[in-house]
Amino acid sequence: MAQKEDRLKTCITDSYGSPEELAKILDLGVVMLFYLEEDTFSRREVQSVVEALKGIGEWLRETTNEL
């Protein structure tokens, strides 16, 4: 498991600079979801995406604190 986490951290750092920067991008994605046009997705689909993004953002922040 630790090896997978290390590879993920390396990928995030290479792509976004830091887990915190990716968390900021995910936060922006959450805000963007508020501006979706009606009937594009079901309310439940949007809520599921928001929950997933929030969870990833929280994990990234915890990871940043551990580094």
C-alpha atoms as a PDB file:
ATOM      1  CA  MET A   1       0.000   0.000   0.000  1.00  0.00           C
ATOM      2  CA  ALA A   2       2.816   2.412   0.856  1.00  0.00           C
ATOM      3  CA  GLN A   3       4.343   1.883  -2.588  1.00  0.00           C
ATOM      4  CA  LYS A   4       1.058   2.850  -4.272  1.00  0.00           C
ATOM      5  CA  GLU A   5       0.819   5.965  -2.107  1.00  0.00           C
ATOM      6  CA  ASP A   6       4.388   6.920  -2.972  1.00  0.00           C
ATOM      7  CA  ARG A   7       3.668   6.531  -6.695  1.00  0.00           C
ATOM      8  CA  LEU A   8       0.501   8.613  -6.327  1.00  0.00           C
ATOM      9  CA  LYS A   9       2.361  11.343  -4.433  1.00  0.00           C
ATOM     10  CA  THR A  10       5.071  11.392  -7.112  1.00  0.00           C
ATOM     11  CA  CYS A  11       2.471  11.608  -9.875  1.00  0.00           C
ATOM     12  CA  ILE A  12       0.651  14.440  -8.115  1.00  0.00           C
ATOM     13  CA  THR A  13       3.878  16.341  -7.466  1.00  0.00           C
ATOM     14  CA  ASP A  14       5.037  15.892 -11.073  1.00  0.00           C
ATOM     15  CA  SER A  15       1.695  16.992 -12.495  1.00  0.00           C
ATOM     16  CA  TYR A  16       0.537  19.685 -10.067  1.00  0.00           C
ATOM     17  CA  GLY A  17       3.558  20.697  -7.996  1.00  0.00           C
ATOM     18  CA  SER A  18       2.120  19.533  -4.700  1.00  0.00           C
ATOM     19  CA  PRO A  19      -0.908  17.783  -3.229  1.00  0.00           C
ATOM     20  CA  GLU A  20      -2.078  21.206  -1.967  1.00  0.00           C
ATOM     21  CA  GLU A  21      -2.104  22.603  -5.518  1.00  0.00           C
ATOM     22  CA  LEU A  22      -4.190  19.651  -6.723  1.00  0.00           C
ATOM     23  CA  ALA A  23      -6.533  20.199  -3.766  1.00  0.00           C
ATOM     24  CA  LYS A  24      -6.992  23.818  -4.907  1.00  0.00           C
ATOM     25  CA  ILE A  25      -7.853  22.647  -8.422  1.00  0.00           C
ATOM     26  CA  LEU A  26     -10.354  20.159  -7.019  1.00  0.00           C
ATOM     27  CA  ASP A  27     -11.894  22.928  -4.901  1.00  0.00           C
ATOM     28  CA  LEU A  28     -12.304  24.983  -8.059  1.00  0.00           C
ATOM     29  CA  GLY A  29     -13.982  21.977  -9.683  1.00  0.00           C
ATOM     30  CA  VAL A  30     -16.469  21.856  -6.822  1.00  0.00           C
ATOM     31  CA  VAL A  31     -17.279  25.537  -7.336  1.00  0.00           C
ATOM     32  CA  MET A  32     -17.682  24.992 -11.089  1.00  0.00           C
ATOM     33  CA  LEU A  33     -20.275  22.302 -10.427  1.00  0.00           C
ATOM     34  CA  PHE A  34     -22.533  25.000  -8.996  1.00  0.00           C
ATOM     35  CA  TYR A  35     -22.702  26.611 -12.436  1.00  0.00           C
ATOM     36  CA  LEU A  36     -23.825  23.569 -14.387  1.00  0.00           C
ATOM     37  CA  GLU A  37     -26.848  24.025 -16.563  1.00  0.00           C
ATOM     38  CA  GLU A  38     -29.989  22.296 -15.407  1.00  0.00           C
ATOM     39  CA  ASP A  39     -30.757  18.861 -16.820  1.00  0.00           C
ATOM     40  CA  THR A  40     -27.109  18.211 -17.721  1.00  0.00           C
ATOM     41  CA  PHE A  41     -26.746  15.609 -14.971  1.00  0.00           C
ATOM     42  CA  SER A  42     -29.049  14.304 -12.305  1.00  0.00           C
ATOM     43  CA  ARG A  43     -28.826  15.964  -8.921  1.00  0.00           C
ATOM     44  CA  ARG A  44     -27.572  12.708  -7.401  1.00  0.00           C
ATOM     45  CA  GLU A  45     -24.794  12.383 -10.013  1.00  0.00           C
ATOM     46  CA  VAL A  46     -23.556  15.879  -9.217  1.00  0.00           C
ATOM     47  CA  GLN A  47     -23.718  15.197  -5.477  1.00  0.00           C
ATOM     48  CA  SER A  48     -21.687  12.022  -5.943  1.00  0.00           C
ATOM     49  CA  VAL A  49     -18.993  13.910  -7.820  1.00  0.00           C
ATOM     50  CA  VAL A  50     -18.889  16.625  -5.178  1.00  0.00           C
ATOM     51  CA  GLU A  51     -18.563  14.046  -2.411  1.00  0.00           C
ATOM     52  CA  ALA A  52     -15.718  12.310  -4.247  1.00  0.00           C
ATOM     53  CA  LEU A  53     -13.890  15.588  -4.908  1.00  0.00           C
ATOM     54  CA  LYS A  54     -14.229  16.649  -1.296  1.00  0.00           C
ATOM     55  CA  GLY A  55     -12.904  13.300  -0.107  1.00  0.00           C
ATOM     56  CA  ILE A  56      -9.900  13.483  -2.424  1.00  0.00           C
ATOM     57  CA  GLY A  57      -9.228  17.063  -1.354  1.00  0.00           C
ATOM     58  CA  GLU A  58      -9.304  16.063   2.309  1.00  0.00           C
ATOM     59  CA  TRP A  59      -6.936  13.162   1.660  1.00  0.00           C
ATOM     60  CA  LEU A  60      -4.561  15.457  -0.210  1.00  0.00           C
ATOM     61  CA  ARG A  61      -4.530  17.940   2.643  1.00  0.00           C
ATOM     62  CA  GLU A  62      -3.739  15.143   5.126  1.00  0.00           C
ATOM     63  CA  THR A  63      -0.973  13.960   2.811  1.00  0.00           C
ATOM     64  CA  THR A  64       0.456  17.484   2.642  1.00  0.00           C
ATOM     65  CA  ASN A  65       0.570  17.664   6.436  1.00  0.00           C
ATOM     66  CA  GLU A  66       2.480  14.365   6.570  1.00  0.00           C
ATOM     67  CA  LEU A  67       5.166  15.474   4.087  1.00  0.00           C
END
